[in-house]
Each structure stands twice: as structure tokens, then as C-alpha cells.
Amino acid sequence: MEPLVLRIAALFYLLGAGRALLGALRPKEGRARTGFVAVGLAMTLHLGALTLRAVELGSFPVVGIHDGLSGFGLLACALALAVATRGGVPQVLSFTAPMVAVLVLLASFFDPHSSTIQPHLRSAWLYVHIGLALLGDATFAIAGVVSIVYLVQEGRLKRKQLATPTTGLHNLPSLEVLDRVGLRLIQWGFPLMTLGLLSGSLYGREVWGSYWTWDPRNTVSALVWLLYALMLHARIMVGWRGRKAAILTVLGVIALLVAFIGLGLAGVGTHGKDYVS
């Protein structure tokens, strides 16, 4: 039942993304609003699927890659909706919804019953670690989407491509707004990622007797953490901003997604397919 609900949610995510993008490119009354409504319905269905999964497990759904992709997708879309409605960057939803649709659809094809957490690996730290890590990863992912919008807008301004009202590109936020929103997301995502890594170390110490193992996902996560630490230092202490910061943000998100999705699907390292962060 739950995989079917996820597939229906993915369909509404795609529908919402299409309507929102159409409303941005060719403004017409009601198009963008219809897109937001469709994404809202998709999130409701998605939340219902996660609730069914939680009831089935009797706990927070963190069993395997199925739960990880699904939970990450919902958090990313919720953050994108917040940035679109309160952050002044509505284009974020058009970029994020297709990504979430793919993640949710991919999750629906993984058997949710194929993975289990062995009794000796269960710990309260596991749920804390995964919750913080997923939220931090989702925050960085949306920061990457905002950076993509920044690069698009900067390219237009450099080429002096002044959009006409018929294209909708005249509604793109200013570079200052995009830079500020992107920085704010990184400022929120960095402590979440830090806490996720620390709680993961405590979990590792409890179940494996070691605070850290240099498996591929841990290594990539540590490198991404270092990248964002240096970026935050440069932006806050040195005042670094603009194109270079946007490009580094996008590269960091790509590395993060490789660690989260690529290595997770491959099931390499101590995390294996039974862990999602």
C-alpha cells in the first residue's frame, strides 16, 4: 500500500513542478498557484505514506534506503516550499519538485521489507543521528537549488538579457536576495550536519566500540563538512560571496548527494543498505 501511495505522490510532485515552471516561464493567472496546490497535495500523500510506514515499523522509519530516500524527499520539499513562500524565491519549488519526484519514485521501487536493523545495532542515537543528518542534507540540497537560480540570474545579467513580462524571467529575485537566502540555508544546514556527525560518532561508539570509521560515506561526509566550514568562514569572516560561493555550494551538494544516494544504493561501507545517513 505504501509504495503505491508514494508513486501517486510522485505523480503530483511532477504535476506541481510542471505547473509552477509553466507559471514562471509564461505567467498566467492561476498557473503558479495550481502548481503550489499540487505540490501541497503531493506532500500530504507523502506524509501519509510515511505515517503508514511508521505504524508498520512501530518507530521512526529509518530501516533502509527506501525510508531514507522518502524521508529526505519530504524534508527537501518542505524546505523548498518554505523558501518559495517566505524566502522570496518561488522558483526553488520548480527545481526541487522534480528532484523529489525522482527520489520518491525510486524509493517506491525498493522493497521496504527487504532491510532490517539487527537488534544489537538499535539505539536511540541512531534515530537522532538520522533525523539530524537528513534535515541537514535537505537544507544543503535546497541551498544548492538556490545557488543554481543565482547562477542563472547572474548569467542573464552579465549577458544583459532583460526578460520581457511574457517570459516570466523578469520575476527572478535579485542576486542580493538569492545570496542572502543561500547563506542563511548554509548557516542552518552546517550545525545540523555537525550535530548529525557527532551523534553518528556516539552511535558508532555505542554499537561498534569506535567513534569513527573511515568508510566511503563517512569520508565524503567529512569532506563536505570541511568544505562548508571553509565556505562559512570565507563568507562570514572575509565577506566572500557571489558566483564562486554559489558554485562551491552546488559542488558540495553534488558530493553530498553522491554520499547519500550513490554510496547508499551501492551499499558500501559500514552503513550498508540498512542505513540512510
Protein backbone atom coordinates (compact mmCIF):
# COMPACT_ATOMS: atom_id res chain seq x y z
CA MET A 1 0.00 0.00 0.00
CA GLU A 2 2.70 2.49 1.00
CA PRO A 3 4.74 2.16 -2.25
CA LEU A 4 1.56 2.82 -4.26
CA VAL A 5 0.86 5.99 -2.26
CA LEU A 6 4.46 7.11 -2.89
CA ARG A 7 4.03 6.66 -6.64
CA ILE A 8 0.85 8.70 -6.63
CA ALA A 9 2.65 11.38 -4.62
CA ALA A 10 5.49 11.37 -7.18
CA LEU A 11 2.93 11.99 -9.94
CA PHE A 12 1.55 15.02 -8.10
CA TYR A 13 5.08 16.30 -7.45
CA LEU A 14 5.73 16.23 -11.20
CA LEU A 15 2.40 17.86 -11.94
CA GLY A 16 3.08 20.60 -9.41
CA ALA A 17 6.58 21.19 -10.77
CA GLY A 18 5.27 21.43 -14.31
CA ARG A 19 2.54 23.91 -13.41
CA ALA A 20 4.89 26.01 -11.27
CA LEU A 21 7.51 26.10 -14.03
CA LEU A 22 4.91 26.96 -16.66
CA GLY A 23 3.61 29.72 -14.43
CA ALA A 24 7.16 31.10 -14.08
CA LEU A 25 8.03 30.97 -17.77
CA ARG A 26 4.65 32.07 -19.14
CA PRO A 27 2.81 33.99 -16.45
CA LYS A 28 -0.92 33.39 -16.40
CA GLU A 29 -3.31 33.79 -13.54
CA GLY A 30 -3.69 30.60 -11.53
CA ARG A 31 -0.85 28.57 -13.05
CA ALA A 32 1.70 29.07 -10.30
CA ARG A 33 -1.00 28.73 -7.63
CA THR A 34 -2.15 25.43 -9.14
CA GLY A 35 1.43 24.20 -9.01
CA PHE A 36 1.71 25.03 -5.31
CA VAL A 37 -1.59 23.27 -4.61
CA ALA A 38 -0.44 20.14 -6.48
CA VAL A 39 2.84 20.06 -4.54
CA GLY A 40 0.92 20.54 -1.30
CA LEU A 41 -1.30 17.57 -2.16
CA ALA A 42 1.78 15.52 -3.05
CA MET A 43 3.33 16.33 0.33
CA THR A 44 0.11 15.33 2.10
CA LEU A 45 0.09 11.97 0.32
CA HIS A 46 3.80 11.58 1.01
CA LEU A 47 3.34 12.30 4.71
CA GLY A 48 0.52 9.75 4.76
CA ALA A 49 2.84 7.13 3.24
CA LEU A 50 5.50 7.85 5.87
CA THR A 51 2.88 7.59 8.60
CA LEU A 52 1.78 4.19 7.29
CA ARG A 53 5.41 3.11 7.28
CA ALA A 54 5.96 4.35 10.84
CA VAL A 55 2.88 2.49 12.07
CA GLU A 56 4.10 -0.66 10.34
CA LEU A 57 7.54 -0.41 11.94
CA GLY A 58 6.32 0.88 15.28
CA SER A 59 9.07 3.51 15.18
CA PHE A 60 10.55 6.33 13.11
CA PRO A 61 11.07 4.92 9.58
CA VAL A 62 14.87 4.62 9.22
CA VAL A 63 15.27 0.99 8.21
CA GLY A 64 16.89 1.27 4.79
CA ILE A 65 17.39 3.16 1.57
CA HIS A 66 13.62 3.09 0.93
CA ASP A 67 12.96 5.12 4.07
CA GLY A 68 15.99 7.35 3.57
CA LEU A 69 15.03 8.47 0.06
CA SER A 70 11.43 9.01 1.08
CA GLY A 71 12.23 10.99 4.23
CA PHE A 72 14.89 13.09 2.52
CA GLY A 73 12.49 13.93 -0.31
CA LEU A 74 9.73 15.12 2.03
CA LEU A 75 12.09 17.28 4.08
CA ALA A 76 13.63 18.82 0.95
CA CYS A 77 10.23 19.69 -0.48
CA ALA A 78 9.03 21.16 2.80
CA LEU A 79 12.10 23.40 2.96
CA ALA A 80 11.70 24.37 -0.71
CA LEU A 81 8.08 25.33 -0.06
CA ALA A 82 9.16 27.47 2.90
CA VAL A 83 11.84 29.22 0.82
CA ALA A 84 9.38 29.72 -2.05
CA THR A 85 6.65 31.25 0.10
CA ARG A 86 8.61 33.03 2.85
CA GLY A 87 12.08 33.44 1.39
CA GLY A 88 11.03 35.22 -1.78
CA VAL A 89 12.42 32.61 -4.18
CA PRO A 90 9.36 30.84 -5.70
CA GLN A 91 11.50 29.31 -8.48
CA VAL A 92 13.04 26.95 -5.91
CA LEU A 93 9.89 24.83 -5.89
CA SER A 94 10.02 24.34 -9.68
CA PHE A 95 13.58 22.98 -9.40
CA THR A 96 13.04 20.92 -6.26
CA ALA A 97 9.75 19.16 -7.02
CA PRO A 98 11.13 17.11 -9.98
CA MET A 99 14.11 16.01 -7.88
CA VAL A 100 11.78 14.95 -5.08
CA ALA A 101 9.53 13.12 -7.55
CA VAL A 102 12.51 11.08 -8.78
CA LEU A 103 13.65 10.29 -5.23
CA VAL A 104 10.16 9.26 -4.13
CA LEU A 105 9.59 7.18 -7.24
CA LEU A 106 12.96 5.49 -6.72
CA ALA A 107 12.09 4.81 -3.07
CA SER A 108 8.80 3.20 -4.09
CA PHE A 109 10.63 0.54 -6.11
CA PHE A 110 12.75 -0.57 -3.15
CA ASP A 111 11.10 -3.26 -1.09
CA PRO A 112 10.51 -1.66 2.34
CA HIS A 113 10.56 -5.13 3.92
CA SER A 114 13.94 -6.14 2.48
CA SER A 115 16.03 -4.35 5.13
CA THR A 116 16.13 -4.77 8.86
CA ILE A 117 18.19 -3.31 11.67
CA GLN A 118 19.73 -6.06 13.73
CA PRO A 119 18.86 -5.89 17.44
CA HIS A 120 22.42 -5.15 18.51
CA LEU A 121 22.51 -2.13 16.16
CA ARG A 122 19.38 -0.49 17.57
CA SER A 123 19.98 2.61 19.64
CA ALA A 124 18.27 5.92 20.39
CA TRP A 125 21.34 7.59 18.89
CA LEU A 126 20.51 6.03 15.53
CA TYR A 127 17.21 7.94 15.28
CA VAL A 128 18.82 11.18 16.49
CA HIS A 129 21.67 10.79 14.02
CA ILE A 130 19.48 10.01 11.01
CA GLY A 131 16.94 12.72 11.81
CA LEU A 132 19.63 15.42 12.08
CA ALA A 133 21.57 14.14 9.09
CA LEU A 134 18.51 14.03 6.82
CA LEU A 135 17.45 17.53 7.85
CA GLY A 136 20.97 18.89 7.35
CA ASP A 137 21.31 17.19 3.96
CA ALA A 138 17.92 18.52 2.84
CA THR A 139 18.87 22.05 3.92
CA PHE A 140 22.09 21.90 1.92
CA ALA A 141 20.23 20.49 -1.08
CA ILE A 142 17.88 23.48 -1.12
CA ALA A 143 20.87 25.81 -0.69
CA GLY A 144 22.23 24.19 -3.86
CA VAL A 145 18.96 24.83 -5.71
CA VAL A 146 19.04 28.49 -4.63
CA SER A 147 22.64 28.69 -5.89
CA ILE A 148 21.54 27.33 -9.27
CA VAL A 149 18.90 30.08 -9.51
CA TYR A 150 21.64 32.56 -8.55
CA LEU A 151 23.90 31.37 -11.38
CA VAL A 152 21.03 31.57 -13.88
CA GLN A 153 20.20 35.12 -12.83
CA GLU A 154 23.85 36.19 -12.83
CA GLY A 155 24.35 34.77 -16.33
CA ARG A 156 21.33 36.68 -17.60
CA LEU A 157 22.52 39.94 -16.08
CA LYS A 158 26.03 39.52 -17.49
CA ARG A 159 24.62 38.95 -20.96
CA LYS A 160 22.22 41.84 -20.39
CA GLN A 161 19.28 39.60 -21.26
CA LEU A 162 16.47 41.70 -19.88
CA ALA A 163 13.44 39.45 -19.83
CA THR A 164 10.08 40.66 -21.04
CA PRO A 165 6.93 40.10 -18.99
CA THR A 166 5.87 37.35 -21.39
CA THR A 167 8.74 35.10 -20.35
CA GLY A 168 8.43 35.38 -16.58
CA LEU A 169 12.19 35.66 -16.11
CA HIS A 170 11.75 39.24 -15.00
CA ASN A 171 10.41 37.80 -11.76
CA LEU A 172 13.72 36.21 -10.77
CA PRO A 173 14.90 37.54 -7.40
CA SER A 174 17.87 39.86 -7.20
CA LEU A 175 21.36 38.45 -6.71
CA GLU A 176 21.44 40.01 -3.25
CA VAL A 177 18.28 38.17 -2.19
CA LEU A 178 19.49 34.86 -3.63
CA ASP A 179 22.89 35.21 -1.97
CA ARG A 180 21.30 36.04 1.39
CA VAL A 181 18.85 33.11 1.24
CA GLY A 182 21.61 30.71 0.20
CA LEU A 183 23.84 31.86 3.05
CA ARG A 184 21.02 31.54 5.56
CA LEU A 185 20.36 27.94 4.47
CA ILE A 186 24.03 27.04 4.83
CA GLN A 187 24.11 28.68 8.26
CA TRP A 188 21.23 26.40 9.30
CA GLY A 189 22.49 23.31 7.50
CA PHE A 190 26.03 23.40 8.86
CA PRO A 191 25.18 22.98 12.57
CA LEU A 192 22.63 20.31 11.64
CA MET A 193 25.28 18.41 9.71
CA THR A 194 27.74 18.90 12.58
CA LEU A 195 25.26 17.52 15.10
CA GLY A 196 24.47 14.68 12.71
CA LEU A 197 28.14 13.71 12.51
CA LEU A 198 28.59 13.98 16.29
CA SER A 199 25.51 11.87 17.04
CA GLY A 200 26.68 9.37 14.44
CA SER A 201 30.01 9.13 16.27
CA LEU A 202 28.22 8.49 19.55
CA TYR A 203 26.11 5.84 17.86
CA GLY A 204 29.22 4.21 16.40
CA ARG A 205 30.89 4.18 19.79
CA GLU A 206 27.83 2.51 21.33
CA VAL A 207 27.32 -0.25 18.75
CA TRP A 208 30.80 -0.77 17.24
CA GLY A 209 33.09 0.49 20.00
CA SER A 210 34.61 3.19 17.78
CA TYR A 211 33.69 6.84 17.35
CA TRP A 212 34.68 6.91 13.68
CA THR A 213 35.27 4.54 10.79
CA TRP A 214 36.76 5.74 7.52
CA ASP A 215 34.21 4.11 5.27
CA PRO A 216 33.38 5.93 1.97
CA ARG A 217 30.21 7.62 3.20
CA ASN A 218 31.82 8.88 6.40
CA THR A 219 34.82 10.14 4.44
CA VAL A 220 32.73 12.03 1.87
CA SER A 221 30.53 13.46 4.62
CA ALA A 222 33.60 14.70 6.49
CA LEU A 223 34.98 16.31 3.32
CA VAL A 224 31.66 18.02 2.61
CA TRP A 225 31.56 19.25 6.21
CA LEU A 226 35.07 20.69 5.80
CA LEU A 227 34.09 22.35 2.51
CA TYR A 228 31.11 24.09 4.07
CA ALA A 229 33.14 25.03 7.17
CA LEU A 230 35.70 26.79 4.95
CA MET A 231 32.92 28.39 2.92
CA LEU A 232 31.17 29.74 6.00
CA HIS A 233 34.46 31.11 7.32
CA ALA A 234 35.17 32.83 4.00
CA ARG A 235 31.67 34.29 3.73
CA ILE A 236 31.24 35.45 7.32
CA MET A 237 34.79 36.44 8.26
CA VAL A 238 36.14 37.54 4.87
CA GLY A 239 32.89 38.64 3.26
CA TRP A 240 33.22 36.24 0.33
CA ARG A 241 30.07 35.99 -1.80
CA GLY A 242 28.82 35.73 -5.36
CA ARG A 243 29.49 33.29 -8.17
CA LYS A 244 32.35 31.37 -6.54
CA ALA A 245 30.34 30.77 -3.39
CA ALA A 246 27.36 29.60 -5.47
CA ILE A 247 29.49 27.18 -7.49
CA LEU A 248 31.12 25.74 -4.36
CA THR A 249 27.67 25.30 -2.80
CA VAL A 250 26.46 23.35 -5.84
CA LEU A 251 29.61 21.19 -5.86
CA GLY A 252 29.19 20.48 -2.16
CA VAL A 253 25.58 19.41 -2.70
CA ILE A 254 26.62 17.11 -5.55
CA ALA A 255 29.21 15.46 -3.31
CA LEU A 256 26.66 15.18 -0.52
CA LEU A 257 24.10 13.53 -2.83
CA VAL A 258 26.76 11.13 -4.10
CA ALA A 259 27.48 10.10 -0.50
CA PHE A 260 23.82 9.88 0.44
CA ILE A 261 22.27 8.29 -2.65
CA GLY A 262 25.07 6.81 -4.75
CA LEU A 263 27.01 5.09 -1.99
CA GLY A 264 23.78 4.24 -0.19
CA LEU A 265 22.42 2.42 -3.23
CA ALA A 266 25.74 0.63 -3.65
CA GLY A 267 25.59 -0.46 -0.02
CA VAL A 268 29.29 0.14 0.59
CA GLY A 269 30.96 0.64 3.95
CA THR A 270 29.69 0.04 7.45
CA HIS A 271 26.45 1.88 6.71
CA GLY A 272 25.44 -0.57 4.03
CA LYS A 273 21.91 -0.52 2.68
CA ASP A 274 20.39 -0.71 6.13
CA TYR A 275 21.45 2.86 6.96
CA VAL A 276 20.39 6.05 5.26
CA SER A 277 22.82 8.65 6.55
